[in-house]
Amino acid sequence: RVLLHRPTNEKLLVLLPVGYPSKEAMVPDLKRKSLD
């Protein structure tokens, strides 16, 4: 917050690095819960 000169009423919640995936990008083979 200080580095980015944000006022004291602001608190960092989330940081998102954004871009295109690199050619060598890998992700874990995770499964999502079913509807039930």
ModelCIF file with pLDDT and N, C-alpha, C, O atoms, coordinates in Angstrom:
data_MODEL
#
_entry.id   MODEL 
#
_entity.id                         1 
_entity.type                       polymer 
_entity.pdbx_number_of_molecules   1 
#
_entity_poly.entity_id                      1 
_entity_poly.type                           'polypeptide(L)' 
_entity_poly.nstd_linkage                   no 
_entity_poly.nstd_monomer                   no 
_entity_poly.pdbx_seq_one_letter_code       RVLLHRPTNEKLLVLLPVGYPSKEAMVPDLKRKSLD 
_entity_poly.pdbx_seq_one_letter_code_can   RVLLHRPTNEKLLVLLPVGYPSKEAMVPDLKRKSLD 
_entity_poly.pdbx_strand_id                 A 
#
loop_
_entity_poly_seq.entity_id 
_entity_poly_seq.num 
_entity_poly_seq.mon_id 
_entity_poly_seq.hetero 
1 1  ARG n 
1 2  VAL n 
1 3  LEU n 
1 4  LEU n 
1 5  HIS n 
1 6  ARG n 
1 7  PRO n 
1 8  THR n 
1 9  ASN n 
1 10 GLU n 
1 11 LYS n 
1 12 LEU n 
1 13 LEU n 
1 14 VAL n 
1 15 LEU n 
1 16 LEU n 
1 17 PRO n 
1 18 VAL n 
1 19 GLY n 
1 20 TYR n 
1 21 PRO n 
1 22 SER n 
1 23 LYS n 
1 24 GLU n 
1 25 ALA n 
1 26 MET n 
1 27 VAL n 
1 28 PRO n 
1 29 ASP n 
1 30 LEU n 
1 31 LYS n 
1 32 ARG n 
1 33 LYS n 
1 34 SER n 
1 35 LEU n 
1 36 ASP n 
#
_struct_asym.id          A 
_struct_asym.entity_id   1 
#
loop_
_ma_qa_metric.id 
_ma_qa_metric.mode 
_ma_qa_metric.name 
_ma_qa_metric.software_group_id 
_ma_qa_metric.type 
1 global pLDDT . pLDDT 
2 local  pLDDT . pLDDT 
#
_ma_qa_metric_global.metric_id      1 
_ma_qa_metric_global.metric_value   95.06 
_ma_qa_metric_global.model_id       1 
_ma_qa_metric_global.ordinal_id     1 
#
loop_
_ma_qa_metric_local.label_asym_id 
_ma_qa_metric_local.label_comp_id 
_ma_qa_metric_local.label_seq_id 
_ma_qa_metric_local.metric_id 
_ma_qa_metric_local.metric_value 
_ma_qa_metric_local.model_id 
_ma_qa_metric_local.ordinal_id 
A ARG 1  2 96.00 1 1  
A VAL 2  2 96.00 1 2  
A LEU 3  2 96.00 1 3  
A LEU 4  2 97.00 1 4  
A HIS 5  2 97.00 1 5  
A ARG 6  2 97.00 1 6  
A PRO 7  2 96.00 1 7  
A THR 8  2 94.00 1 8  
A ASN 9  2 96.00 1 9  
A GLU 10 2 97.00 1 10 
A LYS 11 2 96.00 1 11 
A LEU 12 2 95.00 1 12 
A LEU 13 2 96.00 1 13 
A VAL 14 2 96.00 1 14 
A LEU 15 2 96.00 1 15 
A LEU 16 2 98.00 1 16 
A PRO 17 2 97.00 1 17 
A VAL 18 2 98.00 1 18 
A GLY 19 2 98.00 1 19 
A TYR 20 2 98.00 1 20 
A PRO 21 2 98.00 1 21 
A SER 22 2 96.00 1 22 
A LYS 23 2 94.00 1 23 
A GLU 24 2 93.00 1 24 
A ALA 25 2 94.00 1 25 
A MET 26 2 90.00 1 26 
A VAL 27 2 91.00 1 27 
A PRO 28 2 88.00 1 28 
A ASP 29 2 90.00 1 29 
A LEU 30 2 87.00 1 30 
A LYS 31 2 91.00 1 31 
A ARG 32 2 95.00 1 32 
A LYS 33 2 95.00 1 33 
A SER 34 2 97.00 1 34 
A LEU 35 2 97.00 1 35 
A ASP 36 2 96.00 1 36 
#
loop_
_atom_site.group_PDB 
_atom_site.id 
_atom_site.type_symbol 
_atom_site.label_atom_id 
_atom_site.label_alt_id 
_atom_site.label_comp_id 
_atom_site.label_asym_id 
_atom_site.label_entity_id 
_atom_site.label_seq_id 
_atom_site.pdbx_PDB_ins_code 
_atom_site.Cartn_x 
_atom_site.Cartn_y 
_atom_site.Cartn_z 
_atom_site.occupancy 
_atom_site.B_iso_or_equiv 
_atom_site.pdbx_formal_charge 
_atom_site.auth_seq_id 
_atom_site.auth_comp_id 
_atom_site.auth_asym_id 
_atom_site.auth_atom_id 
_atom_site.pdbx_PDB_model_num 
ATOM 1   N N  . ARG A 1 1  ? 0.836   -1.205  0.000   1.00 96.00 ? 1  ARG A N  1 
ATOM 2   C CA . ARG A 1 1  ? 0.000   0.000   0.000   1.00 96.00 ? 1  ARG A CA 1 
ATOM 3   C C  . ARG A 1 1  ? 0.870   1.254   0.000   1.00 96.00 ? 1  ARG A C  1 
ATOM 4   O O  . ARG A 1 1  ? 0.602   2.204   -0.735  1.00 96.00 ? 1  ARG A O  1 
ATOM 5   N N  . VAL A 1 2  ? 1.899   1.251   0.817   1.00 96.00 ? 2  VAL A N  1 
ATOM 6   C CA . VAL A 1 2  ? 2.813   2.402   0.877   1.00 96.00 ? 2  VAL A CA 1 
ATOM 7   C C  . VAL A 1 2  ? 3.581   2.541   -0.436  1.00 96.00 ? 2  VAL A C  1 
ATOM 8   O O  . VAL A 1 2  ? 3.731   3.646   -0.958  1.00 96.00 ? 2  VAL A O  1 
ATOM 9   N N  . LEU A 1 3  ? 4.066   1.418   -0.970  1.00 96.00 ? 3  LEU A N  1 
ATOM 10  C CA . LEU A 1 3  ? 4.819   1.439   -2.228  1.00 96.00 ? 3  LEU A CA 1 
ATOM 11  C C  . LEU A 1 3  ? 3.994   2.046   -3.354  1.00 96.00 ? 3  LEU A C  1 
ATOM 12  O O  . LEU A 1 3  ? 4.517   2.791   -4.183  1.00 96.00 ? 3  LEU A O  1 
ATOM 13  N N  . LEU A 1 4  ? 2.708   1.726   -3.381  1.00 97.00 ? 4  LEU A N  1 
ATOM 14  C CA . LEU A 1 4  ? 1.833   2.180   -4.457  1.00 97.00 ? 4  LEU A CA 1 
ATOM 15  C C  . LEU A 1 4  ? 1.114   3.484   -4.121  1.00 97.00 ? 4  LEU A C  1 
ATOM 16  O O  . LEU A 1 4  ? 0.248   3.934   -4.872  1.00 97.00 ? 4  LEU A O  1 
ATOM 17  N N  . HIS A 1 5  ? 1.473   4.086   -2.994  1.00 97.00 ? 5  HIS A N  1 
ATOM 18  C CA . HIS A 1 5  ? 0.936   5.394   -2.588  1.00 97.00 ? 5  HIS A CA 1 
ATOM 19  C C  . HIS A 1 5  ? -0.588  5.367   -2.461  1.00 97.00 ? 5  HIS A C  1 
ATOM 20  O O  . HIS A 1 5  ? -1.276  6.297   -2.882  1.00 97.00 ? 5  HIS A O  1 
ATOM 21  N N  . ARG A 1 6  ? -1.095  4.291   -1.875  1.00 97.00 ? 6  ARG A N  1 
ATOM 22  C CA . ARG A 1 6  ? -2.525  4.206   -1.635  1.00 97.00 ? 6  ARG A CA 1 
ATOM 23  C C  . ARG A 1 6  ? -2.846  4.757   -0.252  1.00 97.00 ? 6  ARG A C  1 
ATOM 24  O O  . ARG A 1 6  ? -2.018  4.652   0.652   1.00 97.00 ? 6  ARG A O  1 
ATOM 25  N N  . PRO A 1 7  ? -4.026  5.342   -0.063  1.00 96.00 ? 7  PRO A N  1 
ATOM 26  C CA . PRO A 1 7  ? -4.387  5.937   1.228   1.00 96.00 ? 7  PRO A CA 1 
ATOM 27  C C  . PRO A 1 7  ? -4.631  4.868   2.302   1.00 96.00 ? 7  PRO A C  1 
ATOM 28  O O  . PRO A 1 7  ? -4.768  3.684   1.996   1.00 96.00 ? 7  PRO A O  1 
ATOM 29  N N  . THR A 1 8  ? -4.682  5.306   3.550   1.00 94.00 ? 8  THR A N  1 
ATOM 30  C CA . THR A 1 8  ? -4.778  4.370   4.672   1.00 94.00 ? 8  THR A CA 1 
ATOM 31  C C  . THR A 1 8  ? -6.133  3.687   4.781   1.00 94.00 ? 8  THR A C  1 
ATOM 32  O O  . THR A 1 8  ? -6.264  2.698   5.501   1.00 94.00 ? 8  THR A O  1 
ATOM 33  N N  . ASN A 1 9  ? -7.136  4.190   4.087   1.00 96.00 ? 9  ASN A N  1 
ATOM 34  C CA . ASN A 1 9  ? -8.448  3.529   4.134   1.00 96.00 ? 9  ASN A CA 1 
ATOM 35  C C  . ASN A 1 9  ? -8.543  2.359   3.160   1.00 96.00 ? 9  ASN A C  1 
ATOM 36  O O  . ASN A 1 9  ? -9.591  1.722   3.059   1.00 96.00 ? 9  ASN A O  1 
ATOM 37  N N  . GLU A 1 10 ? -7.461  2.072   2.444   1.00 97.00 ? 10 GLU A N  1 
ATOM 38  C CA . GLU A 1 10 ? -7.444  0.961   1.504   1.00 97.00 ? 10 GLU A CA 1 
ATOM 39  C C  . GLU A 1 10 ? -6.555  -0.163  2.034   1.00 97.00 ? 10 GLU A C  1 
ATOM 40  O O  . GLU A 1 10 ? -5.464  0.081   2.549   1.00 97.00 ? 10 GLU A O  1 
ATOM 41  N N  . LYS A 1 11 ? -7.038  -1.397  1.897   1.00 96.00 ? 11 LYS A N  1 
ATOM 42  C CA . LYS A 1 11 ? -6.277  -2.571  2.306   1.00 96.00 ? 11 LYS A CA 1 
ATOM 43  C C  . LYS A 1 11 ? -6.259  -3.574  1.167   1.00 96.00 ? 11 LYS A C  1 
ATOM 44  O O  . LYS A 1 11 ? -7.283  -3.831  0.534   1.00 96.00 ? 11 LYS A O  1 
ATOM 45  N N  . LEU A 1 12 ? -5.083  -4.139  0.911   1.00 95.00 ? 12 LEU A N  1 
ATOM 46  C CA . LEU A 1 12 ? -4.929  -5.081  -0.198  1.00 95.00 ? 12 LEU A CA 1 
ATOM 47  C C  . LEU A 1 12 ? -5.706  -6.364  0.075   1.00 95.00 ? 12 LEU A C  1 
ATOM 48  O O  . LEU A 1 12 ? -5.586  -6.956  1.147   1.00 95.00 ? 12 LEU A O  1 
ATOM 49  N N  . LEU A 1 13 ? -6.497  -6.783  -0.897  1.00 96.00 ? 13 LEU A N  1 
ATOM 50  C CA . LEU A 1 13 ? -7.265  -8.020  -0.764  1.00 96.00 ? 13 LEU A CA 1 
ATOM 51  C C  . LEU A 1 13 ? -6.723  -9.119  -1.673  1.00 96.00 ? 13 LEU A C  1 
ATOM 52  O O  . LEU A 1 13 ? -6.505  -10.246 -1.228  1.00 96.00 ? 13 LEU A O  1 
ATOM 53  N N  . VAL A 1 14 ? -6.507  -8.789  -2.948  1.00 96.00 ? 14 VAL A N  1 
ATOM 54  C CA . VAL A 1 14 ? -6.087  -9.799  -3.932  1.00 96.00 ? 14 VAL A CA 1 
ATOM 55  C C  . VAL A 1 14 ? -5.095  -9.183  -4.904  1.00 96.00 ? 14 VAL A C  1 
ATOM 56  O O  . VAL A 1 14 ? -5.184  -7.999  -5.231  1.00 96.00 ? 14 VAL A O  1 
ATOM 57  N N  . LEU A 1 15 ? -4.145  -9.997  -5.367  1.00 96.00 ? 15 LEU A N  1 
ATOM 58  C CA . LEU A 1 15 ? -3.208  -9.580  -6.427  1.00 96.00 ? 15 LEU A CA 1 
ATOM 59  C C  . LEU A 1 15 ? -3.316  -10.585 -7.566  1.00 96.00 ? 15 LEU A C  1 
ATOM 60  O O  . LEU A 1 15 ? -3.223  -11.794 -7.353  1.00 96.00 ? 15 LEU A O  1 
ATOM 61  N N  . LEU A 1 16 ? -3.514  -10.067 -8.788  1.00 98.00 ? 16 LEU A N  1 
ATOM 62  C CA . LEU A 1 16 ? -3.647  -10.923 -9.964  1.00 98.00 ? 16 LEU A CA 1 
ATOM 63  C C  . LEU A 1 16 ? -2.562  -10.589 -10.992 1.00 98.00 ? 16 LEU A C  1 
ATOM 64  O O  . LEU A 1 16 ? -2.569  -9.490  -11.547 1.00 98.00 ? 16 LEU A O  1 
ATOM 65  N N  . PRO A 1 17 ? -1.628  -11.513 -11.257 1.00 97.00 ? 17 PRO A N  1 
ATOM 66  C CA . PRO A 1 17 ? -0.736  -11.348 -12.404 1.00 97.00 ? 17 PRO A CA 1 
ATOM 67  C C  . PRO A 1 17 ? -1.509  -11.754 -13.660 1.00 97.00 ? 17 PRO A C  1 
ATOM 68  O O  . PRO A 1 17 ? -2.136  -12.813 -13.681 1.00 97.00 ? 17 PRO A O  1 
ATOM 69  N N  . VAL A 1 18 ? -1.472  -10.941 -14.683 1.00 98.00 ? 18 VAL A N  1 
ATOM 70  C CA . VAL A 1 18 ? -2.346  -11.162 -15.843 1.00 98.00 ? 18 VAL A CA 1 
ATOM 71  C C  . VAL A 1 18 ? -1.529  -11.196 -17.126 1.00 98.00 ? 18 VAL A C  1 
ATOM 72  O O  . VAL A 1 18 ? -0.615  -10.393 -17.312 1.00 98.00 ? 18 VAL A O  1 
ATOM 73  N N  . GLY A 1 19 ? -1.866  -12.135 -18.011 1.00 98.00 ? 19 GLY A N  1 
ATOM 74  C CA . GLY A 1 19 ? -1.210  -12.203 -19.308 1.00 98.00 ? 19 GLY A CA 1 
ATOM 75  C C  . GLY A 1 19 ? -1.659  -13.426 -20.069 1.00 98.00 ? 19 GLY A C  1 
ATOM 76  O O  . GLY A 1 19 ? -2.692  -14.023 -19.767 1.00 98.00 ? 19 GLY A O  1 
ATOM 77  N N  . TYR A 1 20 ? -0.855  -13.798 -21.080 1.00 98.00 ? 20 TYR A N  1 
ATOM 78  C CA . TYR A 1 20 ? -1.087  -15.028 -21.817 1.00 98.00 ? 20 TYR A CA 1 
ATOM 79  C C  . TYR A 1 20 ? -0.297  -16.154 -21.153 1.00 98.00 ? 20 TYR A C  1 
ATOM 80  O O  . TYR A 1 20 ? 0.738   -15.893 -20.539 1.00 98.00 ? 20 TYR A O  1 
ATOM 81  N N  . PRO A 1 21 ? -0.759  -17.393 -21.264 1.00 98.00 ? 21 PRO A N  1 
ATOM 82  C CA . PRO A 1 21 ? 0.037   -18.489 -20.697 1.00 98.00 ? 21 PRO A CA 1 
ATOM 83  C C  . PRO A 1 21 ? 1.325   -18.665 -21.488 1.00 98.00 ? 21 PRO A C  1 
ATOM 84  O O  . PRO A 1 21 ? 1.337   -18.494 -22.707 1.00 98.00 ? 21 PRO A O  1 
ATOM 85  N N  . SER A 1 22 ? 2.398   -19.003 -20.807 1.00 96.00 ? 22 SER A N  1 
ATOM 86  C CA . SER A 1 22 ? 3.645   -19.284 -21.519 1.00 96.00 ? 22 SER A CA 1 
ATOM 87  C C  . SER A 1 22 ? 3.515   -20.612 -22.248 1.00 96.00 ? 22 SER A C  1 
ATOM 88  O O  . SER A 1 22 ? 2.644   -21.421 -21.927 1.00 96.00 ? 22 SER A O  1 
ATOM 89  N N  . LYS A 1 23 ? 4.377   -20.834 -23.225 1.00 94.00 ? 23 LYS A N  1 
ATOM 90  C CA . LYS A 1 23 ? 4.298   -22.051 -24.030 1.00 94.00 ? 23 LYS A CA 1 
ATOM 91  C C  . LYS A 1 23 ? 4.511   -23.303 -23.183 1.00 94.00 ? 23 LYS A C  1 
ATOM 92  O O  . LYS A 1 23 ? 3.970   -24.365 -23.491 1.00 94.00 ? 23 LYS A O  1 
ATOM 93  N N  . GLU A 1 24 ? 5.302   -23.177 -22.110 1.00 93.00 ? 24 GLU A N  1 
ATOM 94  C CA . GLU A 1 24 ? 5.603   -24.335 -21.273 1.00 93.00 ? 24 GLU A CA 1 
ATOM 95  C C  . GLU A 1 24 ? 4.687   -24.429 -20.049 1.00 93.00 ? 24 GLU A C  1 
ATOM 96  O O  . GLU A 1 24 ? 4.971   -25.179 -19.115 1.00 93.00 ? 24 GLU A O  1 
ATOM 97  N N  . ALA A 1 25 ? 3.591   -23.668 -20.055 1.00 94.00 ? 25 ALA A N  1 
ATOM 98  C CA . ALA A 1 25 ? 2.693   -23.636 -18.894 1.00 94.00 ? 25 ALA A CA 1 
ATOM 99  C C  . ALA A 1 25 ? 2.109   -25.022 -18.609 1.00 94.00 ? 25 ALA A C  1 
ATOM 100 O O  . ALA A 1 25 ? 1.634   -25.712 -19.511 1.00 94.00 ? 25 ALA A O  1 
ATOM 101 N N  . MET A 1 26 ? 2.157   -25.411 -17.329 1.00 90.00 ? 26 MET A N  1 
ATOM 102 C CA . MET A 1 26 ? 1.582   -26.670 -16.861 1.00 90.00 ? 26 MET A CA 1 
ATOM 103 C C  . MET A 1 26 ? 0.645   -26.355 -15.692 1.00 90.00 ? 26 MET A C  1 
ATOM 104 O O  . MET A 1 26 ? 0.885   -25.425 -14.922 1.00 90.00 ? 26 MET A O  1 
ATOM 105 N N  . VAL A 1 27 ? -0.423  -27.142 -15.574 1.00 91.00 ? 27 VAL A N  1 
ATOM 106 C CA . VAL A 1 27 ? -1.348  -26.984 -14.448 1.00 91.00 ? 27 VAL A CA 1 
ATOM 107 C C  . VAL A 1 27 ? -1.629  -28.356 -13.853 1.00 91.00 ? 27 VAL A C  1 
ATOM 108 O O  . VAL A 1 27 ? -1.606  -29.354 -14.573 1.00 91.00 ? 27 VAL A O  1 
ATOM 109 N N  . PRO A 1 28 ? -1.891  -28.423 -12.556 1.00 88.00 ? 28 PRO A N  1 
ATOM 110 C CA . PRO A 1 28 ? -2.209  -29.716 -11.941 1.00 88.00 ? 28 PRO A CA 1 
ATOM 111 C C  . PRO A 1 28 ? -3.542  -30.249 -12.463 1.00 88.00 ? 28 PRO A C  1 
ATOM 112 O O  . PRO A 1 28 ? -4.469  -29.484 -12.728 1.00 88.00 ? 28 PRO A O  1 
ATOM 113 N N  . ASP A 1 29 ? -3.623  -31.566 -12.607 1.00 90.00 ? 29 ASP A N  1 
ATOM 114 C CA . ASP A 1 29 ? -4.830  -32.202 -13.134 1.00 90.00 ? 29 ASP A CA 1 
ATOM 115 C C  . ASP A 1 29 ? -5.846  -32.366 -12.007 1.00 90.00 ? 29 ASP A C  1 
ATOM 116 O O  . ASP A 1 29 ? -6.058  -33.467 -11.498 1.00 90.00 ? 29 ASP A O  1 
ATOM 117 N N  . LEU A 1 30 ? -6.468  -31.255 -11.629 1.00 87.00 ? 30 LEU A N  1 
ATOM 118 C CA . LEU A 1 30 ? -7.426  -31.245 -10.531 1.00 87.00 ? 30 LEU A CA 1 
ATOM 119 C C  . LEU A 1 30 ? -8.841  -31.474 -11.052 1.00 87.00 ? 30 LEU A C  1 
ATOM 120 O O  . LEU A 1 30 ? -9.163  -31.092 -12.177 1.00 87.00 ? 30 LEU A O  1 
ATOM 121 N N  . LYS A 1 31 ? -9.672  -32.090 -10.246 1.00 91.00 ? 31 LYS A N  1 
ATOM 122 C CA . LYS A 1 31 ? -11.069 -32.312 -10.593 1.00 91.00 ? 31 LYS A CA 1 
ATOM 123 C C  . LYS A 1 31 ? -11.955 -31.445 -9.700  1.00 91.00 ? 31 LYS A C  1 
ATOM 124 O O  . LYS A 1 31 ? -11.682 -31.281 -8.511  1.00 91.00 ? 31 LYS A O  1 
ATOM 125 N N  . ARG A 1 32 ? -13.015 -30.895 -10.284 1.00 95.00 ? 32 ARG A N  1 
ATOM 126 C CA . ARG A 1 32 ? -13.945 -30.074 -9.508  1.00 95.00 ? 32 ARG A CA 1 
ATOM 127 C C  . ARG A 1 32 ? -15.071 -30.940 -8.941  1.00 95.00 ? 32 ARG A C  1 
ATOM 128 O O  . ARG A 1 32 ? -15.399 -31.995 -9.485  1.00 95.00 ? 32 ARG A O  1 
ATOM 129 N N  . LYS A 1 33 ? -15.645 -30.476 -7.851  1.00 95.00 ? 33 LYS A N  1 
ATOM 130 C CA . LYS A 1 33 ? -16.753 -31.201 -7.236  1.00 95.00 ? 33 LYS A CA 1 
ATOM 131 C C  . LYS A 1 33 ? -17.942 -31.260 -8.185  1.00 95.00 ? 33 LYS A C  1 
ATOM 132 O O  . LYS A 1 33 ? -18.175 -30.331 -8.959  1.00 95.00 ? 33 LYS A O  1 
ATOM 133 N N  . SER A 1 34 ? -18.684 -32.343 -8.122  1.00 97.00 ? 34 SER A N  1 
ATOM 134 C CA . SER A 1 34 ? -19.881 -32.491 -8.945  1.00 97.00 ? 34 SER A CA 1 
ATOM 135 C C  . SER A 1 34 ? -21.013 -31.655 -8.378  1.00 97.00 ? 34 SER A C  1 
ATOM 136 O O  . SER A 1 34 ? -20.937 -31.174 -7.248  1.00 97.00 ? 34 SER A O  1 
ATOM 137 N N  . LEU A 1 35 ? -22.064 -31.485 -9.171  1.00 97.00 ? 35 LEU A N  1 
ATOM 138 C CA . LEU A 1 35 ? -23.181 -30.641 -8.769  1.00 97.00 ? 35 LEU A CA 1 
ATOM 139 C C  . LEU A 1 35 ? -23.823 -31.115 -7.470  1.00 97.00 ? 35 LEU A C  1 
ATOM 140 O O  . LEU A 1 35 ? -24.178 -30.304 -6.615  1.00 97.00 ? 35 LEU A O  1 
ATOM 141 N N  . ASP A 1 36 ? -23.972 -32.443 -7.323  1.00 96.00 ? 36 ASP A N  1 
ATOM 142 C CA . ASP A 1 36 ? -24.617 -32.948 -6.108  1.00 96.00 ? 36 ASP A CA 1 
ATOM 143 C C  . ASP A 1 36 ? -23.762 -32.765 -4.859  1.00 96.00 ? 36 ASP A C  1 
ATOM 144 O O  . ASP A 1 36 ? -24.178 -33.144 -3.764  1.00 96.00 ? 36 ASP A O  1 
#
